[in-house]
Amino acid sequence: MSVVLIPVVQHAFVKTYWDNKCIPAMKPFIKKCLFLCWMMVVQGPPMCFDWSTKHGSQFDTNLYRHYTSSGTVVEFVVWPAMCLHIEGPLIAKGVAQPVGKTA
């Protein structure tokens, strides 16, 4: 049933958010992203991202890889880690930027 709703979700998104400033070549990419996100949330249990890592958190190398520098405290998350479900196994490590070290 969830697969049947994908064109409905895609149409609703494009109708709501698409305007003449959007690049036409992006539409297939956006529709594929909508497909993937929809399938992630309708499975039981839904896949999830780690939103608990914030500025000032200890850098967890089990969940994240470093962005452009190394360190032990998170400055910001570039891309969150993805888990199979809440508190489930890690599917893909996220990317985070540690606080820069002062000289």
N, C-alpha and C. Protein backbone atom coordinates (compact mmCIF):
# COMPACT_ATOMS: atom_id res chain seq x y z
N MET A 1 0.82 -1.20 0.00
CA MET A 1 0.00 0.00 0.00
C MET A 1 0.86 1.27 0.00
N SER A 2 1.97 1.26 0.76
CA SER A 2 2.78 2.47 0.85
C SER A 2 3.40 2.85 -0.49
N VAL A 3 3.74 1.87 -1.32
CA VAL A 3 4.33 2.16 -2.62
C VAL A 3 3.32 2.86 -3.52
N VAL A 4 2.05 2.50 -3.38
CA VAL A 4 0.99 3.09 -4.18
C VAL A 4 0.87 4.59 -3.90
N LEU A 5 1.19 5.00 -2.67
CA LEU A 5 1.04 6.40 -2.29
C LEU A 5 2.21 7.29 -2.72
N ILE A 6 3.29 6.70 -3.19
CA ILE A 6 4.47 7.50 -3.55
C ILE A 6 4.14 8.56 -4.61
N PRO A 7 3.46 8.24 -5.71
CA PRO A 7 3.14 9.30 -6.68
C PRO A 7 2.28 10.41 -6.07
N VAL A 8 1.42 10.07 -5.13
CA VAL A 8 0.58 11.07 -4.46
C VAL A 8 1.46 12.01 -3.63
N VAL A 9 2.39 11.44 -2.88
CA VAL A 9 3.31 12.25 -2.07
C VAL A 9 4.17 13.13 -2.97
N GLN A 10 4.70 12.56 -4.04
CA GLN A 10 5.53 13.33 -4.97
C GLN A 10 4.74 14.48 -5.59
N HIS A 11 3.53 14.19 -6.04
CA HIS A 11 2.69 15.23 -6.66
C HIS A 11 2.38 16.34 -5.66
N ALA A 12 2.03 15.97 -4.44
CA ALA A 12 1.70 16.97 -3.42
C ALA A 12 2.90 17.85 -3.11
N PHE A 13 4.08 17.25 -3.01
CA PHE A 13 5.29 18.03 -2.73
C PHE A 13 5.58 19.00 -3.87
N VAL A 14 5.58 18.50 -5.09
CA VAL A 14 5.89 19.35 -6.25
C VAL A 14 4.85 20.46 -6.37
N LYS A 15 3.59 20.14 -6.18
CA LYS A 15 2.53 21.15 -6.28
C LYS A 15 2.71 22.23 -5.22
N THR A 16 3.12 21.85 -4.03
CA THR A 16 3.26 22.79 -2.92
C THR A 16 4.54 23.62 -3.01
N TYR A 17 5.65 22.99 -3.36
CA TYR A 17 6.94 23.65 -3.24
C TYR A 17 7.62 24.03 -4.55
N TRP A 18 7.15 23.52 -5.68
CA TRP A 18 7.82 23.78 -6.96
C TRP A 18 7.36 25.12 -7.52
N ASP A 19 8.30 25.94 -7.96
CA ASP A 19 7.94 27.19 -8.63
C ASP A 19 8.88 27.42 -9.81
N ASN A 20 8.70 28.54 -10.50
CA ASN A 20 9.49 28.77 -11.72
C ASN A 20 10.96 29.07 -11.44
N LYS A 21 11.36 29.21 -10.17
CA LYS A 21 12.77 29.42 -9.83
C LYS A 21 13.51 28.08 -9.69
N CYS A 22 12.76 26.99 -9.63
CA CYS A 22 13.38 25.66 -9.48
C CYS A 22 13.98 25.20 -10.80
N ILE A 23 15.07 24.49 -10.72
CA ILE A 23 15.74 23.96 -11.91
C ILE A 23 15.00 22.71 -12.38
N PRO A 24 14.45 22.72 -13.60
CA PRO A 24 13.67 21.57 -14.08
C PRO A 24 14.41 20.24 -13.99
N ALA A 25 15.72 20.24 -14.24
CA ALA A 25 16.49 18.99 -14.20
C ALA A 25 16.53 18.39 -12.80
N MET A 26 16.18 19.16 -11.78
CA MET A 26 16.20 18.67 -10.39
C MET A 26 14.97 17.82 -10.05
N LYS A 27 13.91 17.95 -10.83
CA LYS A 27 12.66 17.27 -10.49
C LYS A 27 12.82 15.75 -10.35
N PRO A 28 13.50 15.04 -11.27
CA PRO A 28 13.68 13.59 -11.06
C PRO A 28 14.46 13.27 -9.78
N PHE A 29 15.48 14.07 -9.48
CA PHE A 29 16.25 13.87 -8.25
C PHE A 29 15.37 14.07 -7.01
N ILE A 30 14.58 15.12 -7.01
CA ILE A 30 13.70 15.40 -5.87
C ILE A 30 12.68 14.28 -5.71
N LYS A 31 12.14 13.79 -6.80
CA LYS A 31 11.17 12.69 -6.71
C LYS A 31 11.81 11.43 -6.16
N LYS A 32 13.06 11.15 -6.54
CA LYS A 32 13.77 9.98 -6.02
C LYS A 32 14.04 10.15 -4.53
N CYS A 33 14.42 11.35 -4.11
CA CYS A 33 14.62 11.62 -2.67
C CYS A 33 13.33 11.41 -1.90
N LEU A 34 12.22 11.89 -2.45
CA LEU A 34 10.92 11.68 -1.80
C LEU A 34 10.59 10.20 -1.70
N PHE A 35 10.88 9.44 -2.75
CA PHE A 35 10.65 8.00 -2.74
C PHE A 35 11.44 7.34 -1.60
N LEU A 36 12.74 7.65 -1.52
CA LEU A 36 13.59 7.04 -0.49
C LEU A 36 13.14 7.43 0.92
N CYS A 37 12.86 8.70 1.12
CA CYS A 37 12.42 9.15 2.46
C CYS A 37 11.09 8.51 2.85
N TRP A 38 10.17 8.43 1.90
CA TRP A 38 8.87 7.82 2.18
C TRP A 38 9.04 6.36 2.58
N MET A 39 9.86 5.63 1.83
CA MET A 39 10.06 4.22 2.14
C MET A 39 10.77 4.03 3.49
N MET A 40 11.63 4.97 3.86
CA MET A 40 12.32 4.89 5.16
C MET A 40 11.34 5.03 6.32
N VAL A 41 10.35 5.90 6.18
CA VAL A 41 9.45 6.16 7.31
C VAL A 41 8.25 5.23 7.38
N VAL A 42 7.89 4.57 6.27
CA VAL A 42 6.72 3.70 6.32
C VAL A 42 7.06 2.26 6.68
N GLN A 43 8.34 1.91 6.68
CA GLN A 43 8.68 0.55 7.10
C GLN A 43 8.47 0.44 8.60
N GLY A 44 8.31 -0.76 9.10
CA GLY A 44 8.09 -0.96 10.53
C GLY A 44 9.24 -1.70 11.16
N PRO A 45 9.92 -1.13 12.10
CA PRO A 45 9.86 0.27 12.54
C PRO A 45 10.58 1.18 11.54
N PRO A 46 10.25 2.48 11.55
CA PRO A 46 10.87 3.39 10.59
C PRO A 46 12.35 3.63 10.85
N MET A 47 13.10 3.85 9.78
CA MET A 47 14.51 4.23 9.93
C MET A 47 14.55 5.61 10.56
N CYS A 48 15.69 5.96 11.15
CA CYS A 48 15.77 7.27 11.80
C CYS A 48 17.18 7.84 11.71
N PHE A 49 17.25 9.13 11.92
CA PHE A 49 18.52 9.84 11.99
C PHE A 49 18.82 10.16 13.45
N ASP A 50 20.10 10.31 13.77
CA ASP A 50 20.51 10.71 15.11
C ASP A 50 20.45 12.23 15.20
N TRP A 51 19.44 12.74 15.91
CA TRP A 51 19.31 14.18 16.12
C TRP A 51 19.79 14.57 17.52
N SER A 52 20.34 13.63 18.29
CA SER A 52 20.74 13.93 19.67
C SER A 52 22.11 14.59 19.75
N THR A 53 22.93 14.46 18.73
CA THR A 53 24.26 15.05 18.75
C THR A 53 24.16 16.55 18.46
N LYS A 54 24.60 17.35 19.41
CA LYS A 54 24.49 18.81 19.32
C LYS A 54 25.86 19.45 19.54
N HIS A 55 25.91 20.76 19.34
CA HIS A 55 27.11 21.54 19.64
C HIS A 55 27.50 21.30 21.09
N GLY A 56 28.76 20.95 21.31
CA GLY A 56 29.24 20.69 22.66
C GLY A 56 29.20 19.24 23.08
N SER A 57 28.56 18.37 22.28
CA SER A 57 28.54 16.93 22.60
C SER A 57 29.93 16.34 22.42
N GLN A 58 30.20 15.26 23.15
CA GLN A 58 31.44 14.51 22.93
C GLN A 58 31.37 13.90 21.53
N PHE A 59 32.47 13.94 20.79
CA PHE A 59 32.51 13.39 19.44
C PHE A 59 32.54 11.88 19.53
N ASP A 60 31.52 11.22 19.00
CA ASP A 60 31.41 9.76 19.05
C ASP A 60 31.84 9.19 17.70
N THR A 61 33.04 8.61 17.66
CA THR A 61 33.55 8.06 16.40
C THR A 61 32.84 6.78 15.98
N ASN A 62 32.01 6.23 16.86
CA ASN A 62 31.19 5.08 16.47
C ASN A 62 30.03 5.52 15.58
N LEU A 63 29.61 6.79 15.72
CA LEU A 63 28.47 7.31 14.96
C LEU A 63 28.87 8.29 13.86
N TYR A 64 30.01 8.97 14.05
CA TYR A 64 30.38 10.05 13.13
C TYR A 64 31.82 9.94 12.67
N ARG A 65 32.06 10.45 11.46
CA ARG A 65 33.42 10.63 10.99
C ARG A 65 33.67 12.14 10.96
N HIS A 66 34.94 12.52 11.04
CA HIS A 66 35.31 13.93 11.07
C HIS A 66 35.11 14.57 9.70
N TYR A 67 34.77 15.85 9.72
CA TYR A 67 34.55 16.60 8.48
C TYR A 67 35.88 17.14 7.95
N THR A 68 36.34 18.28 8.43
CA THR A 68 37.59 18.85 7.91
C THR A 68 38.69 18.95 8.96
N SER A 69 38.36 18.63 10.19
CA SER A 69 39.38 18.65 11.25
C SER A 69 39.06 17.55 12.25
N SER A 70 39.97 17.32 13.17
CA SER A 70 39.72 16.30 14.20
C SER A 70 39.60 16.99 15.55
N GLY A 71 38.97 16.31 16.47
CA GLY A 71 38.77 16.85 17.80
C GLY A 71 37.85 15.95 18.60
N THR A 72 37.56 16.33 19.82
CA THR A 72 36.77 15.48 20.71
C THR A 72 35.41 16.07 21.07
N VAL A 73 35.15 17.32 20.64
CA VAL A 73 33.88 17.98 20.95
C VAL A 73 33.24 18.45 19.64
N VAL A 74 31.94 18.21 19.48
CA VAL A 74 31.23 18.55 18.25
C VAL A 74 30.94 20.05 18.19
N GLU A 75 31.29 20.65 17.03
CA GLU A 75 30.90 22.04 16.77
C GLU A 75 29.55 22.05 16.06
N PHE A 76 29.43 21.23 14.99
CA PHE A 76 28.15 21.11 14.29
C PHE A 76 28.12 19.79 13.53
N VAL A 77 26.91 19.33 13.25
CA VAL A 77 26.70 18.10 12.48
C VAL A 77 26.49 18.50 11.02
N VAL A 78 27.27 17.90 10.14
CA VAL A 78 27.14 18.14 8.70
C VAL A 78 26.01 17.27 8.16
N TRP A 79 26.03 15.99 8.54
CA TRP A 79 25.01 15.03 8.12
C TRP A 79 24.82 14.04 9.26
N PRO A 80 23.58 13.83 9.73
CA PRO A 80 23.38 12.95 10.88
C PRO A 80 23.61 11.47 10.55
N ALA A 81 23.95 10.72 11.58
CA ALA A 81 24.07 9.26 11.43
C ALA A 81 22.68 8.67 11.19
N MET A 82 22.62 7.57 10.43
CA MET A 82 21.35 6.91 10.13
C MET A 82 21.31 5.53 10.78
N CYS A 83 20.20 5.26 11.48
CA CYS A 83 20.03 3.96 12.14
C CYS A 83 18.84 3.22 11.55
N LEU A 84 18.86 1.90 11.68
CA LEU A 84 17.78 1.07 11.15
C LEU A 84 16.45 1.42 11.81
N HIS A 85 16.49 1.75 13.09
CA HIS A 85 15.32 2.21 13.84
C HIS A 85 15.84 2.91 15.08
N ILE A 86 14.97 3.50 15.88
CA ILE A 86 15.40 4.20 17.10
C ILE A 86 16.18 3.24 17.98
N GLU A 87 17.39 3.65 18.35
CA GLU A 87 18.33 2.85 19.14
C GLU A 87 18.70 1.54 18.46
N GLY A 88 18.52 1.48 17.13
CA GLY A 88 18.87 0.29 16.37
C GLY A 88 20.28 0.35 15.84
N PRO A 89 20.66 -0.65 15.06
CA PRO A 89 22.02 -0.69 14.50
C PRO A 89 22.26 0.45 13.51
N LEU A 90 23.51 0.85 13.44
CA LEU A 90 23.93 1.94 12.56
C LEU A 90 23.91 1.47 11.11
N ILE A 91 23.29 2.25 10.25
CA ILE A 91 23.26 1.96 8.81
C ILE A 91 24.39 2.73 8.12
N ALA A 92 24.54 4.01 8.48
CA ALA A 92 25.58 4.85 7.88
C ALA A 92 26.06 5.88 8.90
N LYS A 93 27.38 5.99 9.01
CA LYS A 93 27.93 7.01 9.90
C LYS A 93 27.58 8.40 9.39
N GLY A 94 27.41 9.32 10.32
CA GLY A 94 27.20 10.71 9.97
C GLY A 94 28.54 11.41 9.83
N VAL A 95 28.47 12.69 9.53
CA VAL A 95 29.66 13.52 9.41
C VAL A 95 29.47 14.71 10.34
N ALA A 96 30.48 15.00 11.16
CA ALA A 96 30.40 16.12 12.08
C ALA A 96 31.73 16.88 12.12
N GLN A 97 31.62 18.16 12.39
CA GLN A 97 32.80 19.02 12.51
C GLN A 97 33.11 19.22 13.99
N PRO A 98 34.31 18.84 14.42
CA PRO A 98 34.69 19.11 15.81
C PRO A 98 35.05 20.58 16.01
N VAL A 99 35.01 21.01 17.25
CA VAL A 99 35.44 22.36 17.60
C VAL A 99 36.92 22.48 17.25
N GLY A 100 37.28 23.55 16.56
CA GLY A 100 38.68 23.74 16.16
C GLY A 100 39.58 23.98 17.36
N LYS A 101 40.78 23.49 17.25
CA LYS A 101 41.76 23.67 18.32
C LYS A 101 42.44 25.02 18.16
N THR A 102 42.61 25.73 19.27
CA THR A 102 43.31 27.01 19.23
C THR A 102 44.80 26.80 19.42
N ALA A 103 45.59 27.62 18.77
CA ALA A 103 47.05 27.46 18.84
C ALA A 103 47.63 28.10 20.08
